[in-house]
All heavy atoms as atom14 arrays in JSON, in Angstrom:
{
  "sequence": "RLSLAIPKGKPYDGVGWFEGKTIATSYPVILSRFLAEKGVKAHVHVIQ",
  "atom14_mask": [
    [1, 1, 1, 1, 1, 1, 1, 1, 1, 1, 1, 0, 0, 0],
    [1, 1, 1, 1, 1, 1, 1, 1, 0, 0, 0, 0, 0, 0],
    [1, 1, 1, 1, 1, 1, 0, 0, 0, 0, 0, 0, 0, 0],
    [1, 1, 1, 1, 1, 1, 1, 1, 0, 0, 0, 0, 0, 0],
    [1, 1, 1, 1, 1, 0, 0, 0, 0, 0, 0, 0, 0, 0],
    [1, 1, 1, 1, 1, 1, 1, 1, 0, 0, 0, 0, 0, 0],
    [1, 1, 1, 1, 1, 1, 1, 0, 0, 0, 0, 0, 0, 0],
    [1, 1, 1, 1, 1, 1, 1, 1, 1, 0, 0, 0, 0, 0],
    [1, 1, 1, 1, 0, 0, 0, 0, 0, 0, 0, 0, 0, 0],
    [1, 1, 1, 1, 1, 1, 1, 1, 1, 0, 0, 0, 0, 0],
    [1, 1, 1, 1, 1, 1, 1, 0, 0, 0, 0, 0, 0, 0],
    [1, 1, 1, 1, 1, 1, 1, 1, 1, 1, 1, 1, 0, 0],
    [1, 1, 1, 1, 1, 1, 1, 1, 0, 0, 0, 0, 0, 0],
    [1, 1, 1, 1, 0, 0, 0, 0, 0, 0, 0, 0, 0, 0],
    [1, 1, 1, 1, 1, 1, 1, 0, 0, 0, 0, 0, 0, 0],
    [1, 1, 1, 1, 0, 0, 0, 0, 0, 0, 0, 0, 0, 0],
    [1, 1, 1, 1, 1, 1, 1, 1, 1, 1, 1, 1, 1, 1],
    [1, 1, 1, 1, 1, 1, 1, 1, 1, 1, 1, 0, 0, 0],
    [1, 1, 1, 1, 1, 1, 1, 1, 1, 0, 0, 0, 0, 0],
    [1, 1, 1, 1, 0, 0, 0, 0, 0, 0, 0, 0, 0, 0],
    [1, 1, 1, 1, 1, 1, 1, 1, 1, 0, 0, 0, 0, 0],
    [1, 1, 1, 1, 1, 1, 1, 0, 0, 0, 0, 0, 0, 0],
    [1, 1, 1, 1, 1, 1, 1, 1, 0, 0, 0, 0, 0, 0],
    [1, 1, 1, 1, 1, 0, 0, 0, 0, 0, 0, 0, 0, 0],
    [1, 1, 1, 1, 1, 1, 1, 0, 0, 0, 0, 0, 0, 0],
    [1, 1, 1, 1, 1, 1, 0, 0, 0, 0, 0, 0, 0, 0],
    [1, 1, 1, 1, 1, 1, 1, 1, 1, 1, 1, 1, 0, 0],
    [1, 1, 1, 1, 1, 1, 1, 0, 0, 0, 0, 0, 0, 0],
    [1, 1, 1, 1, 1, 1, 1, 0, 0, 0, 0, 0, 0, 0],
    [1, 1, 1, 1, 1, 1, 1, 1, 0, 0, 0, 0, 0, 0],
    [1, 1, 1, 1, 1, 1, 1, 1, 0, 0, 0, 0, 0, 0],
    [1, 1, 1, 1, 1, 1, 0, 0, 0, 0, 0, 0, 0, 0],
    [1, 1, 1, 1, 1, 1, 1, 1, 1, 1, 1, 0, 0, 0],
    [1, 1, 1, 1, 1, 1, 1, 1, 1, 1, 1, 0, 0, 0],
    [1, 1, 1, 1, 1, 1, 1, 1, 0, 0, 0, 0, 0, 0],
    [1, 1, 1, 1, 1, 0, 0, 0, 0, 0, 0, 0, 0, 0],
    [1, 1, 1, 1, 1, 1, 1, 1, 1, 0, 0, 0, 0, 0],
    [1, 1, 1, 1, 1, 1, 1, 1, 1, 0, 0, 0, 0, 0],
    [1, 1, 1, 1, 0, 0, 0, 0, 0, 0, 0, 0, 0, 0],
    [1, 1, 1, 1, 1, 1, 1, 0, 0, 0, 0, 0, 0, 0],
    [1, 1, 1, 1, 1, 1, 1, 1, 1, 0, 0, 0, 0, 0],
    [1, 1, 1, 1, 1, 0, 0, 0, 0, 0, 0, 0, 0, 0],
    [1, 1, 1, 1, 1, 1, 1, 1, 1, 1, 0, 0, 0, 0],
    [1, 1, 1, 1, 1, 1, 1, 0, 0, 0, 0, 0, 0, 0],
    [1, 1, 1, 1, 1, 1, 1, 1, 1, 1, 0, 0, 0, 0],
    [1, 1, 1, 1, 1, 1, 1, 0, 0, 0, 0, 0, 0, 0],
    [1, 1, 1, 1, 1, 1, 1, 1, 0, 0, 0, 0, 0, 0],
    [1, 1, 1, 1, 1, 1, 1, 1, 1, 0, 0, 0, 0, 0]
  ],
  "atom14_positions": [
    [[3.14, 2.84, -15.99], [3.38, 1.4, -15.9], [3.36, 0.99, -14.44], [3.62, 1.79, -13.56], [4.71, 1.02, -16.57], [5.92, 1.74, -16.03], [7.14, 1.57, -16.94], [8.33, 2.21, -16.41], [8.66, 3.47, -16.61], [7.86, 4.26, -17.32], [9.76, 3.98, -16.09], [0.0, 0.0, 0.0], [0.0, 0.0, 0.0], [0.0, 0.0, 0.0]],
    [[3.03, -0.26, -14.2], [3.09, -0.82, -12.85], [4.32, -1.72, -12.8], [4.43, -2.66, -13.6], [1.82, -1.62, -12.53], [0.71, -0.83, -11.84], [0.14, 0.21, -12.78], [-0.39, -1.74, -11.33], [0.0, 0.0, 0.0], [0.0, 0.0, 0.0], [0.0, 0.0, 0.0], [0.0, 0.0, 0.0], [0.0, 0.0, 0.0], [0.0, 0.0, 0.0]],
    [[5.2, -1.4, -11.88], [6.5, -2.08, -11.86], [6.9, -2.51, -10.46], [6.46, -1.93, -9.46], [7.59, -1.15, -12.42], [7.34, -0.82, -13.77], [0.0, 0.0, 0.0], [0.0, 0.0, 0.0], [0.0, 0.0, 0.0], [0.0, 0.0, 0.0], [0.0, 0.0, 0.0], [0.0, 0.0, 0.0], [0.0, 0.0, 0.0], [0.0, 0.0, 0.0]],
    [[7.76, -3.51, -10.44], [8.42, -3.93, -9.2], [9.72, -3.14, -9.07], [10.43, -2.93, -10.06], [8.72, -5.42, -9.23], [7.51, -6.34, -9.03], [7.79, -7.73, -9.57], [7.12, -6.41, -7.55], [0.0, 0.0, 0.0], [0.0, 0.0, 0.0], [0.0, 0.0, 0.0], [0.0, 0.0, 0.0], [0.0, 0.0, 0.0], [0.0, 0.0, 0.0]],
    [[10.03, -2.72, -7.86], [11.26, -1.97, -7.61], [11.87, -2.44, -6.3], [11.15, -2.85, -5.37], [10.99, -0.47, -7.57], [0.0, 0.0, 0.0], [0.0, 0.0, 0.0], [0.0, 0.0, 0.0], [0.0, 0.0, 0.0], [0.0, 0.0, 0.0], [0.0, 0.0, 0.0], [0.0, 0.0, 0.0], [0.0, 0.0, 0.0], [0.0, 0.0, 0.0]],
    [[13.19, -2.37, -6.23], [13.92, -2.78, -5.03], [14.98, -1.73, -4.72], [15.28, -0.87, -5.56], [14.58, -4.17, -5.23], [15.66, -4.1, -6.33], [13.53, -5.23, -5.57], [16.47, -5.38, -6.48], [0.0, 0.0, 0.0], [0.0, 0.0, 0.0], [0.0, 0.0, 0.0], [0.0, 0.0, 0.0], [0.0, 0.0, 0.0], [0.0, 0.0, 0.0]],
    [[15.59, -1.77, -3.53], [16.66, -0.82, -3.2], [17.8, -0.87, -4.22], [18.16, -1.94, -4.71], [17.12, -1.27, -1.82], [15.89, -1.91, -1.22], [15.22, -2.6, -2.37], [0.0, 0.0, 0.0], [0.0, 0.0, 0.0], [0.0, 0.0, 0.0], [0.0, 0.0, 0.0], [0.0, 0.0, 0.0], [0.0, 0.0, 0.0], [0.0, 0.0, 0.0]],
    [[18.35, 0.28, -4.53], [19.38, 0.4, -5.57], [20.58, -0.51, -5.35], [21.13, -1.07, -6.28], [19.87, 1.85, -5.65], [19.05, 2.73, -6.55], [19.7, 4.11, -6.64], [18.85, 5.01, -7.51], [19.39, 6.39, -7.54], [0.0, 0.0, 0.0], [0.0, 0.0, 0.0], [0.0, 0.0, 0.0], [0.0, 0.0, 0.0], [0.0, 0.0, 0.0]],
    [[21.0, -0.64, -4.11], [22.22, -1.4, -3.84], [22.07, -2.9, -3.92], [23.07, -3.63, -3.89], [0.0, 0.0, 0.0], [0.0, 0.0, 0.0], [0.0, 0.0, 0.0], [0.0, 0.0, 0.0], [0.0, 0.0, 0.0], [0.0, 0.0, 0.0], [0.0, 0.0, 0.0], [0.0, 0.0, 0.0], [0.0, 0.0, 0.0], [0.0, 0.0, 0.0]],
    [[20.87, -3.41, -4.07], [20.64, -4.85, -4.1], [20.88, -5.42, -5.49], [20.38, -4.88, -6.48], [19.2, -5.17, -3.68], [18.82, -4.69, -2.29], [19.39, -5.58, -1.21], [18.86, -5.16, 0.16], [19.41, -6.01, 1.24], [0.0, 0.0, 0.0], [0.0, 0.0, 0.0], [0.0, 0.0, 0.0], [0.0, 0.0, 0.0], [0.0, 0.0, 0.0]],
    [[21.65, -6.51, -5.59], [21.8, -7.17, -6.9], [20.5, -7.86, -7.29], [19.76, -8.35, -6.42], [22.92, -8.19, -6.66], [22.87, -8.46, -5.19], [22.43, -7.19, -4.54], [0.0, 0.0, 0.0], [0.0, 0.0, 0.0], [0.0, 0.0, 0.0], [0.0, 0.0, 0.0], [0.0, 0.0, 0.0], [0.0, 0.0, 0.0], [0.0, 0.0, 0.0]],
    [[20.18, -7.88, -8.58], [18.92, -8.46, -9.04], [19.18, -9.4, -10.2], [19.85, -9.04, -11.17], [17.96, -7.34, -9.47], [16.6, -7.85, -9.88], [15.67, -8.25, -8.93], [16.25, -7.94, -11.23], [14.41, -8.72, -9.3], [15.0, -8.4, -11.61], [14.08, -8.8, -10.64], [12.84, -9.27, -11.02], [0.0, 0.0, 0.0], [0.0, 0.0, 0.0]],
    [[18.65, -10.63, -10.1], [18.91, -11.64, -11.14], [17.62, -12.23, -11.71], [17.61, -13.35, -12.22], [19.79, -12.75, -10.58], [19.19, -13.41, -9.34], [18.07, -13.0, -8.92], [19.81, -14.33, -8.8], [0.0, 0.0, 0.0], [0.0, 0.0, 0.0], [0.0, 0.0, 0.0], [0.0, 0.0, 0.0], [0.0, 0.0, 0.0], [0.0, 0.0, 0.0]],
    [[16.53, -11.5, -11.61], [15.28, -12.0, -12.15], [14.18, -12.02, -11.11], [14.41, -11.79, -9.91], [0.0, 0.0, 0.0], [0.0, 0.0, 0.0], [0.0, 0.0, 0.0], [0.0, 0.0, 0.0], [0.0, 0.0, 0.0], [0.0, 0.0, 0.0], [0.0, 0.0, 0.0], [0.0, 0.0, 0.0], [0.0, 0.0, 0.0], [0.0, 0.0, 0.0]],
    [[12.95, -12.33, -11.57], [11.79, -12.23, -10.69], [11.86, -13.21, -9.52], [11.23, -13.01, -8.48], [10.49, -12.44, -11.52], [10.36, -13.89, -11.95], [9.27, -11.99, -10.75], [0.0, 0.0, 0.0], [0.0, 0.0, 0.0], [0.0, 0.0, 0.0], [0.0, 0.0, 0.0], [0.0, 0.0, 0.0], [0.0, 0.0, 0.0], [0.0, 0.0, 0.0]],
    [[12.68, -14.25, -9.65], [12.87, -15.18, -8.55], [13.46, -14.53, -7.31], [13.4, -15.09, -6.21], [0.0, 0.0, 0.0], [0.0, 0.0, 0.0], [0.0, 0.0, 0.0], [0.0, 0.0, 0.0], [0.0, 0.0, 0.0], [0.0, 0.0, 0.0], [0.0, 0.0, 0.0], [0.0, 0.0, 0.0], [0.0, 0.0, 0.0], [0.0, 0.0, 0.0]],
    [[14.05, -13.35, -7.48], [14.62, -12.6, -6.35], [13.57, -12.36, -5.27], [13.89, -12.28, -4.08], [15.15, -11.26, -6.85], [15.85, -10.41, -5.83], [17.18, -10.4, -5.53], [15.24, -9.44, -4.94], [17.46, -9.49, -4.53], [16.28, -8.89, -4.15], [13.95, -8.99, -4.74], [16.06, -7.91, -3.18], [13.71, -8.01, -3.76], [14.75, -7.48, -3.0]],
    [[12.29, -12.25, -5.69], [11.22, -11.93, -4.75], [10.71, -13.14, -3.97], [9.84, -12.98, -3.11], [10.06, -11.26, -5.49], [10.38, -9.88, -5.99], [10.8, -9.69, -7.29], [10.3, -8.79, -5.15], [11.1, -8.42, -7.76], [10.61, -7.51, -5.6], [11.01, -7.32, -6.92], [0.0, 0.0, 0.0], [0.0, 0.0, 0.0], [0.0, 0.0, 0.0]],
    [[11.21, -14.33, -4.26], [10.79, -15.53, -3.54], [11.03, -15.35, -2.03], [12.14, -15.07, -1.59], [11.57, -16.75, -4.04], [11.17, -18.07, -3.4], [9.78, -18.55, -3.84], [9.39, -18.28, -5.01], [9.1, -19.21, -3.02], [0.0, 0.0, 0.0], [0.0, 0.0, 0.0], [0.0, 0.0, 0.0], [0.0, 0.0, 0.0], [0.0, 0.0, 0.0]],
    [[9.94, -15.48, -1.26], [10.05, -15.36, 0.19], [10.17, -13.93, 0.7], [10.24, -13.72, 1.91], [0.0, 0.0, 0.0], [0.0, 0.0, 0.0], [0.0, 0.0, 0.0], [0.0, 0.0, 0.0], [0.0, 0.0, 0.0], [0.0, 0.0, 0.0], [0.0, 0.0, 0.0], [0.0, 0.0, 0.0], [0.0, 0.0, 0.0], [0.0, 0.0, 0.0]],
    [[10.18, -12.96, -0.2], [10.33, -11.56, 0.21], [8.96, -10.92, 0.46], [7.91, -11.48, 0.13], [11.06, -10.76, -0.88], [12.44, -11.28, -1.26], [13.47, -10.95, -0.22], [14.9, -10.97, -0.78], [15.27, -12.19, -1.5], [0.0, 0.0, 0.0], [0.0, 0.0, 0.0], [0.0, 0.0, 0.0], [0.0, 0.0, 0.0], [0.0, 0.0, 0.0]],
    [[8.98, -9.73, 1.04], [7.77, -8.95, 1.28], [7.72, -7.79, 0.29], [8.7, -7.05, 0.14], [7.73, -8.4, 2.72], [7.71, -9.5, 3.63], [6.49, -7.54, 2.94], [0.0, 0.0, 0.0], [0.0, 0.0, 0.0], [0.0, 0.0, 0.0], [0.0, 0.0, 0.0], [0.0, 0.0, 0.0], [0.0, 0.0, 0.0], [0.0, 0.0, 0.0]],
    [[6.58, -7.64, -0.37], [6.4, -6.59, -1.36], [5.25, -5.69, -0.93], [4.13, -6.17, -0.71], [6.1, -7.17, -2.76], [7.14, -8.22, -3.15], [6.03, -6.05, -3.8], [6.76, -9.02, -4.39], [0.0, 0.0, 0.0], [0.0, 0.0, 0.0], [0.0, 0.0, 0.0], [0.0, 0.0, 0.0], [0.0, 0.0, 0.0], [0.0, 0.0, 0.0]],
    [[5.49, -4.4, -0.81], [4.46, -3.44, -0.45], [3.79, -2.91, -1.71], [4.46, -2.6, -2.7], [5.06, -2.28, 0.34], [0.0, 0.0, 0.0], [0.0, 0.0, 0.0], [0.0, 0.0, 0.0], [0.0, 0.0, 0.0], [0.0, 0.0, 0.0], [0.0, 0.0, 0.0], [0.0, 0.0, 0.0], [0.0, 0.0, 0.0], [0.0, 0.0, 0.0]],
    [[2.47, -2.81, -1.68], [1.75, -2.36, -2.86], [0.34, -1.88, -2.53], [-0.23, -2.24, -1.49], [1.65, -3.48, -3.92], [1.06, -2.96, -5.11], [0.8, -4.63, -3.41], [0.0, 0.0, 0.0], [0.0, 0.0, 0.0], [0.0, 0.0, 0.0], [0.0, 0.0, 0.0], [0.0, 0.0, 0.0], [0.0, 0.0, 0.0], [0.0, 0.0, 0.0]],
    [[-0.22, -1.08, -3.43], [-1.64, -0.72, -3.37], [-2.43, -1.5, -4.42], [-3.63, -1.28, -4.58], [-1.81, 0.79, -3.62], [-1.13, 1.54, -2.65], [0.0, 0.0, 0.0], [0.0, 0.0, 0.0], [0.0, 0.0, 0.0], [0.0, 0.0, 0.0], [0.0, 0.0, 0.0], [0.0, 0.0, 0.0], [0.0, 0.0, 0.0], [0.0, 0.0, 0.0]],
    [[-1.74, -2.41, -5.11], [-2.37, -3.19, -6.19], [-2.14, -4.69, -5.96], [-1.46, -5.36, -6.74], [-1.79, -2.78, -7.55], [-2.09, -1.33, -7.88], [-1.18, -0.34, -7.56], [-3.28, -0.97, -8.49], [-1.45, 1.0, -7.85], [-3.56, 0.36, -8.78], [-2.63, 1.34, -8.46], [-2.91, 2.65, -8.74], [0.0, 0.0, 0.0], [0.0, 0.0, 0.0]],
    [[-2.73, -5.24, -4.9], [-2.49, -6.64, -4.56], [-3.04, -7.64, -5.58], [-2.46, -8.71, -5.76], [-3.18, -6.8, -3.2], [-4.23, -5.73, -3.19], [-3.62, -4.58, -3.91], [0.0, 0.0, 0.0], [0.0, 0.0, 0.0], [0.0, 0.0, 0.0], [0.0, 0.0, 0.0], [0.0, 0.0, 0.0], [0.0, 0.0, 0.0], [0.0, 0.0, 0.0]],
    [[-4.15, -7.31, -6.24], [-4.75, -8.24, -7.2], [-3.83, -8.43, -8.41], [-3.52, -9.56, -8.8], [-6.13, -7.75, -7.66], [-6.67, -8.63, -8.78], [-7.11, -7.74, -6.48], [0.0, 0.0, 0.0], [0.0, 0.0, 0.0], [0.0, 0.0, 0.0], [0.0, 0.0, 0.0], [0.0, 0.0, 0.0], [0.0, 0.0, 0.0], [0.0, 0.0, 0.0]],
    [[-3.38, -7.34, -8.99], [-2.5, -7.42, -10.17], [-1.19, -8.07, -9.8], [-0.67, -8.93, -10.52], [-2.27, -6.02, -10.76], [-3.58, -5.42, -11.26], [-1.24, -6.08, -11.9], [-3.48, -3.97, -11.7], [0.0, 0.0, 0.0], [0.0, 0.0, 0.0], [0.0, 0.0, 0.0], [0.0, 0.0, 0.0], [0.0, 0.0, 0.0], [0.0, 0.0, 0.0]],
    [[-0.63, -7.68, -8.64], [0.65, -8.25, -8.21], [0.53, -9.74, -7.94], [1.37, -10.53, -8.39], [1.15, -7.52, -6.96], [2.43, -8.09, -6.33], [3.59, -8.1, -7.32], [2.79, -7.3, -5.07], [0.0, 0.0, 0.0], [0.0, 0.0, 0.0], [0.0, 0.0, 0.0], [0.0, 0.0, 0.0], [0.0, 0.0, 0.0], [0.0, 0.0, 0.0]],
    [[-0.5, -10.16, -7.21], [-0.67, -11.58, -6.88], [-0.84, -12.42, -8.14], [-0.3, -13.54, -8.23], [-1.88, -11.77, -5.96], [-1.67, -11.1, -4.72], [0.0, 0.0, 0.0], [0.0, 0.0, 0.0], [0.0, 0.0, 0.0], [0.0, 0.0, 0.0], [0.0, 0.0, 0.0], [0.0, 0.0, 0.0], [0.0, 0.0, 0.0], [0.0, 0.0, 0.0]],
    [[-1.56, -11.89, -9.12], [-1.73, -12.6, -10.39], [-0.4, -12.77, -11.11], [-0.09, -13.85, -11.63], [-2.73, -11.83, -11.26], [-3.09, -12.52, -12.56], [-4.23, -11.78, -13.24], [-3.87, -10.4, -13.57], [-4.73, -9.41, -13.67], [-6.02, -9.6, -13.44], [-4.32, -8.2, -13.99], [0.0, 0.0, 0.0], [0.0, 0.0, 0.0], [0.0, 0.0, 0.0]],
    [[0.4, -11.73, -11.11], [1.72, -11.79, -11.76], [2.63, -12.8, -11.06], [3.28, -13.63, -11.71], [2.37, -10.41, -11.74], [3.78, -10.38, -12.23], [4.07, -10.45, -13.59], [4.84, -10.3, -11.33], [5.38, -10.43, -14.04], [6.16, -10.28, -11.77], [6.43, -10.35, -13.13], [0.0, 0.0, 0.0], [0.0, 0.0, 0.0], [0.0, 0.0, 0.0]],
    [[2.66, -12.75, -9.74], [3.53, -13.67, -8.99], [3.1, -15.12, -9.22], [3.94, -16.02, -9.36], [3.48, -13.34, -7.5], [4.1, -11.99, -7.09], [3.85, -11.73, -5.61], [5.59, -11.96, -7.4], [0.0, 0.0, 0.0], [0.0, 0.0, 0.0], [0.0, 0.0, 0.0], [0.0, 0.0, 0.0], [0.0, 0.0, 0.0], [0.0, 0.0, 0.0]],
    [[1.78, -15.36, -9.28], [1.28, -16.72, -9.51], [1.69, -17.2, -10.9], [2.07, -18.37, -11.07], [-0.24, -16.74, -9.37], [0.0, 0.0, 0.0], [0.0, 0.0, 0.0], [0.0, 0.0, 0.0], [0.0, 0.0, 0.0], [0.0, 0.0, 0.0], [0.0, 0.0, 0.0], [0.0, 0.0, 0.0], [0.0, 0.0, 0.0], [0.0, 0.0, 0.0]],
    [[1.63, -16.32, -11.9], [2.03, -16.69, -13.26], [3.51, -17.05, -13.32], [3.91, -17.93, -14.09], [1.75, -15.52, -14.22], [0.26, -15.28, -14.49], [0.03, -14.01, -15.28], [1.02, -13.27, -15.54], [-1.14, -13.72, -15.62], [0.0, 0.0, 0.0], [0.0, 0.0, 0.0], [0.0, 0.0, 0.0], [0.0, 0.0, 0.0], [0.0, 0.0, 0.0]],
    [[4.32, -16.38, -12.49], [5.76, -16.62, -12.48], [6.17, -17.71, -11.49], [7.35, -18.07, -11.43], [6.51, -15.32, -12.13], [6.29, -14.19, -13.13], [6.83, -14.54, -14.49], [6.67, -13.41, -15.49], [7.19, -13.76, -16.84], [0.0, 0.0, 0.0], [0.0, 0.0, 0.0], [0.0, 0.0, 0.0], [0.0, 0.0, 0.0], [0.0, 0.0, 0.0]],
    [[5.2, -18.21, -10.73], [5.52, -19.26, -9.76], [6.35, -18.77, -8.59], [7.11, -19.54, -8.0], [0.0, 0.0, 0.0], [0.0, 0.0, 0.0], [0.0, 0.0, 0.0], [0.0, 0.0, 0.0], [0.0, 0.0, 0.0], [0.0, 0.0, 0.0], [0.0, 0.0, 0.0], [0.0, 0.0, 0.0], [0.0, 0.0, 0.0], [0.0, 0.0, 0.0]],
    [[6.19, -17.52, -8.22], [6.95, -16.92, -7.12], [6.04, -16.76, -5.91], [4.94, -16.21, -6.02], [7.53, -15.55, -7.53], [8.19, -14.87, -6.32], [8.54, -15.72, -8.65], [0.0, 0.0, 0.0], [0.0, 0.0, 0.0], [0.0, 0.0, 0.0], [0.0, 0.0, 0.0], [0.0, 0.0, 0.0], [0.0, 0.0, 0.0], [0.0, 0.0, 0.0]],
    [[6.49, -17.24, -4.77], [5.74, -17.08, -3.54], [6.36, -15.96, -2.71], [7.49, -16.08, -2.25], [5.73, -18.39, -2.75], [4.96, -19.51, -3.45], [4.94, -20.78, -2.62], [4.14, -21.87, -3.33], [4.12, -23.14, -2.56], [0.0, 0.0, 0.0], [0.0, 0.0, 0.0], [0.0, 0.0, 0.0], [0.0, 0.0, 0.0], [0.0, 0.0, 0.0]],
    [[5.61, -14.89, -2.57], [6.07, -13.74, -1.79], [4.93, -13.25, -0.93], [3.76, -13.52, -1.2], [6.55, -12.62, -2.72], [0.0, 0.0, 0.0], [0.0, 0.0, 0.0], [0.0, 0.0, 0.0], [0.0, 0.0, 0.0], [0.0, 0.0, 0.0], [0.0, 0.0, 0.0], [0.0, 0.0, 0.0], [0.0, 0.0, 0.0], [0.0, 0.0, 0.0]],
    [[5.26, -12.5, 0.11], [4.23, -11.92, 0.98], [3.85, -10.55, 0.41], [4.7, -9.68, 0.24], [4.73, -11.77, 2.41], [3.76, -11.06, 3.3], [2.52, -11.59, 3.63], [3.83, -9.85, 3.93], [1.88, -10.75, 4.42], [2.65, -9.69, 4.61], [0.0, 0.0, 0.0], [0.0, 0.0, 0.0], [0.0, 0.0, 0.0], [0.0, 0.0, 0.0]],
    [[2.56, -10.38, 0.13], [2.08, -9.11, -0.4], [1.53, -8.28, 0.76], [0.54, -8.66, 1.4], [0.98, -9.33, -1.47], [0.43, -7.99, -1.95], [1.54, -10.13, -2.64], [0.0, 0.0, 0.0], [0.0, 0.0, 0.0], [0.0, 0.0, 0.0], [0.0, 0.0, 0.0], [0.0, 0.0, 0.0], [0.0, 0.0, 0.0], [0.0, 0.0, 0.0]],
    [[2.19, -7.16, 1.02], [1.78, -6.29, 2.12], [1.03, -5.09, 1.53], [1.61, -4.27, 0.82], [3.01, -5.81, 2.9], [2.66, -4.98, 4.11], [2.13, -5.52, 5.25], [2.76, -3.64, 4.34], [1.93, -4.57, 6.15], [2.3, -3.41, 5.6], [0.0, 0.0, 0.0], [0.0, 0.0, 0.0], [0.0, 0.0, 0.0], [0.0, 0.0, 0.0]],
    [[-0.26, -5.01, 1.8], [-1.1, -3.97, 1.21], [-1.06, -2.7, 2.05], [-1.37, -2.73, 3.25], [-2.57, -4.44, 1.08], [-3.42, -3.36, 0.42], [-2.64, -5.74, 0.29], [0.0, 0.0, 0.0], [0.0, 0.0, 0.0], [0.0, 0.0, 0.0], [0.0, 0.0, 0.0], [0.0, 0.0, 0.0], [0.0, 0.0, 0.0], [0.0, 0.0, 0.0]],
    [[-0.65, -1.61, 1.42], [-0.69, -0.31, 2.09], [-1.24, 0.72, 1.11], [-1.17, 0.53, -0.11], [0.7, 0.14, 2.59], [1.71, 0.26, 1.43], [1.22, -0.79, 3.66], [3.05, 0.8, 1.87], [0.0, 0.0, 0.0], [0.0, 0.0, 0.0], [0.0, 0.0, 0.0], [0.0, 0.0, 0.0], [0.0, 0.0, 0.0], [0.0, 0.0, 0.0]],
    [[-1.79, 1.79, 1.61], [-2.28, 2.89, 0.8], [-1.35, 4.08, 1.01], [-0.77, 4.25, 2.07], [-3.71, 3.26, 1.19], [-4.71, 2.12, 1.07], [-4.87, 1.61, -0.35], [-4.76, 2.37, -1.3], [-5.13, 0.32, -0.49], [0.0, 0.0, 0.0], [0.0, 0.0, 0.0], [0.0, 0.0, 0.0], [0.0, 0.0, 0.0], [0.0, 0.0, 0.0]]
  ]
}
């Protein structure tokens, strides 16, 4: 599965948590499509 993950100690209350945050990924197309569907604006940082 392709999933979003955050540090264990951070409280999480839904996908809106990622608003304004930076997300590292090797799958920017799938992630950007998901964020757009959810109306969340985040910075996608592409790394391999």
